[in-house]
Structure formats: C-alpha cells, structure tokens
Protein backbone atom coordinates (compact mmCIF):
# COMPACT_ATOMS: atom_id res chain seq x y z
CA MET A 1 190.10 145.24 -88.73
CA THR A 2 186.74 146.71 -87.69
CA VAL A 3 184.12 145.14 -89.07
CA ASP A 4 180.70 147.21 -88.22
CA PRO A 5 177.29 145.14 -87.37
CA ALA A 6 175.28 146.59 -89.40
CA GLU A 7 177.26 146.09 -93.20
CA LEU A 8 176.92 141.86 -91.76
CA ALA A 9 173.74 143.13 -91.27
CA ALA A 10 173.09 144.06 -95.10
CA PHE A 11 174.95 141.92 -96.62
CA LEU A 12 172.81 139.11 -94.34
CA HIS A 13 169.17 140.59 -95.68
CA GLU A 14 169.92 140.37 -99.35
CA ARG A 15 170.90 136.85 -99.81
CA LEU A 16 167.77 136.55 -97.03
CA ASP A 17 166.45 138.28 -100.18
CA ASP A 18 167.59 136.32 -102.99
CA ASP A 19 166.76 133.27 -100.47
CA ALA A 20 163.31 134.50 -100.30
CA ASP A 21 162.79 135.47 -104.21
CA ALA A 22 163.52 131.87 -105.41
CA ALA A 23 161.27 130.22 -103.50
CA SER A 24 158.43 132.33 -103.92
CA GLU A 25 159.31 132.00 -107.90
CA ALA A 26 159.08 128.35 -107.40
CA ASN A 27 155.50 128.45 -107.30
CA ALA A 28 154.90 125.06 -106.06
CA THR A 29 152.92 124.80 -102.47
CA ARG A 30 152.61 121.74 -102.04
CA TRP A 31 155.13 119.15 -101.89
CA SER A 32 154.44 115.95 -100.93
CA PRO A 33 157.06 112.50 -101.01
CA ALA A 34 155.95 110.03 -102.91
CA GLY A 35 158.90 106.53 -103.54
CA ASN A 36 161.87 107.93 -105.37
CA ALA A 37 159.61 110.84 -106.77
CA VAL A 38 157.89 114.35 -105.65
CA ASP A 39 154.22 115.15 -105.73
CA PHE A 40 153.63 118.77 -106.48
CA GLN A 41 150.77 120.43 -107.43
CA LEU A 42 151.57 124.23 -109.53
CA TRP A 43 149.26 127.36 -109.05
CA SER A 44 148.95 128.77 -112.17
CA ASP A 45 146.17 131.63 -113.99
CA ARG A 46 146.72 129.45 -116.99
CA PHE A 47 145.16 125.91 -114.97
CA PRO A 48 141.62 125.45 -115.62
CA ASP A 49 140.76 125.08 -111.95
CA GLY A 50 144.39 126.68 -110.81
CA VAL A 51 145.78 124.17 -109.91
CA ALA A 52 148.22 121.11 -111.56
CA GLN A 53 149.89 118.38 -110.50
CA SER A 54 153.22 117.47 -111.82
CA ARG A 55 155.55 115.02 -110.62
CA LEU A 56 159.23 115.10 -109.76
CA ALA A 57 161.82 111.72 -110.14
CA ALA A 58 164.32 112.36 -107.49
CA LEU A 59 166.37 108.99 -107.66
CA ASN A 60 166.57 108.29 -104.56
CA ARG A 61 164.39 108.75 -100.76
CA ALA A 62 167.33 110.84 -99.68
CA ASN A 63 167.02 113.66 -101.97
CA VAL A 64 163.56 112.76 -102.01
CA TRP A 65 163.47 113.80 -98.60
CA HIS A 66 165.35 117.09 -98.97
CA ILE A 67 162.75 118.38 -101.34
CA VAL A 68 160.25 118.21 -99.99
CA ASN A 69 162.36 119.33 -95.98
CA TRP A 70 162.77 122.43 -98.18
CA ALA A 71 160.09 123.22 -101.04
CA PRO A 72 159.50 127.02 -100.76
CA PRO A 73 156.50 127.85 -97.47
CA ARG A 74 160.07 125.86 -95.23
CA VAL A 75 162.27 128.20 -96.99
CA LEU A 76 159.58 131.49 -96.20
CA ALA A 77 160.10 129.42 -93.15
CA GLU A 78 162.83 130.35 -92.45
CA VAL A 79 163.72 133.35 -93.95
CA GLU A 80 161.69 135.27 -92.04
CA ALA A 81 162.80 133.77 -88.80
CA LYS A 82 166.77 134.92 -89.37
CA ARG A 83 164.44 138.16 -89.79
CA ARG A 84 163.95 137.57 -87.01
CA ILE A 85 167.12 136.35 -85.58
CA ILE A 86 169.76 139.73 -86.63
CA ARG A 87 166.17 141.91 -85.71
CA VAL A 88 166.81 140.91 -81.96
CA CYS A 89 171.13 141.05 -82.62
CA LEU A 90 170.38 144.59 -83.65
CA ASP A 91 168.17 145.82 -81.76
CA GLU A 92 168.83 148.12 -78.65
CA GLY A 93 171.75 148.01 -78.88
CA ALA A 94 172.76 144.36 -78.53
CA VAL A 95 175.63 144.38 -80.86
CA HIS A 96 178.37 146.11 -80.33
CA GLN A 97 179.64 148.28 -83.06
CA ASP A 98 183.35 146.79 -83.58
CA LEU A 99 182.16 142.82 -84.57
CA GLU A 100 185.46 142.08 -83.48
CA LEU A 101 184.83 143.17 -79.32
CA PRO A 102 183.14 139.09 -78.51
CA SER A 103 179.28 139.32 -77.85
CA ARG A 104 176.46 136.76 -78.09
CA PRO A 105 174.90 139.14 -80.41
CA ASN A 106 177.72 139.51 -82.80
CA GLN A 107 178.39 135.77 -82.92
CA VAL A 108 175.15 134.82 -84.10
CA LEU A 109 175.31 137.15 -86.82
CA ARG A 110 178.78 135.78 -87.92
CA LEU A 111 177.26 132.21 -87.38
CA LEU A 112 174.36 133.49 -89.74
CA SER A 113 176.61 134.39 -92.21
CA LEU A 114 178.41 130.73 -92.82
CA PRO A 115 175.45 129.07 -95.30
CA TYR A 116 176.96 132.17 -97.09
CA ALA A 117 180.90 131.81 -97.10
CA GLY A 118 181.08 131.29 -100.88
CA HIS A 119 179.45 134.31 -102.40
CA PRO A 120 180.84 137.35 -103.45
CA HIS A 121 180.06 139.54 -101.27
CA TYR A 122 181.60 137.55 -97.88
CA ARG A 123 184.28 138.95 -96.67
CA PRO A 124 186.44 135.91 -94.28
CA GLU A 125 186.14 138.86 -90.97
CA TRP A 126 183.37 137.91 -90.99
CA HIS A 127 184.04 134.49 -90.62
CA PRO A 128 183.61 133.36 -86.36
C-alpha cells in the first residue's frame, strides 16, 4: 500500500500539538523532587505575587522522578525537537513519496509515530 509521508507527518504534528497543548495547560513551571512528593510552582494572575507553591504526593520515588522528568518544559522541548526531526525528514525530497520505499528519513518518520500507535487515527501501514 502506498503511503504519503506528508500524511504521516501531518498525523505526527497533530499528536505533537496535543502533547504541547497538554503541557502548556499545566501551568506549573518549576517541578522538583521532594522525597515521595513533587514540589512545584504555579504561575497565575489569581495569586497575589503570581506564584503559588504546591506539593503533589507521588507515592514513591520512581513516580516522583517520572513526573519531574516529564514536567511541561521538558515535554515542550521534546515536541520542538521532534518537529525539527520531521522537518529534516521532509526537506529537499529526503523522503521517498511512498513510505514503502526504504530510506532513512522514511524509517525515522515511522519510528516517530510508534508512541502514538494506540491513537485511533494511527494507520497500521505506518508501523515500521
């Protein structure tokens, strides 16, 4: 089956938009481990000085580090890096117009799609 790499890239950009939106809506900007909890600062006009401190119980240190490592700034950086990778893959005809033809850029686009394989718009033919 012929697959247009631009369609896969569009799917990836939509998922990255979802990821960026979720990270942007999480208005905590500084996350730090605190034993079995995560301390974070919330920025909002609703607070007198614009900042509120909060603590999130995370049950164990593995959860704490997972939360801290995937704080909104990290997610936004990941999204931007993946967008740049997609641009590199699509630039200057680097991809074949049919993802069935092997090329490194085609393989990279397919690999970038793997985390979203459970999404209802993911197509089985995109699987590497």
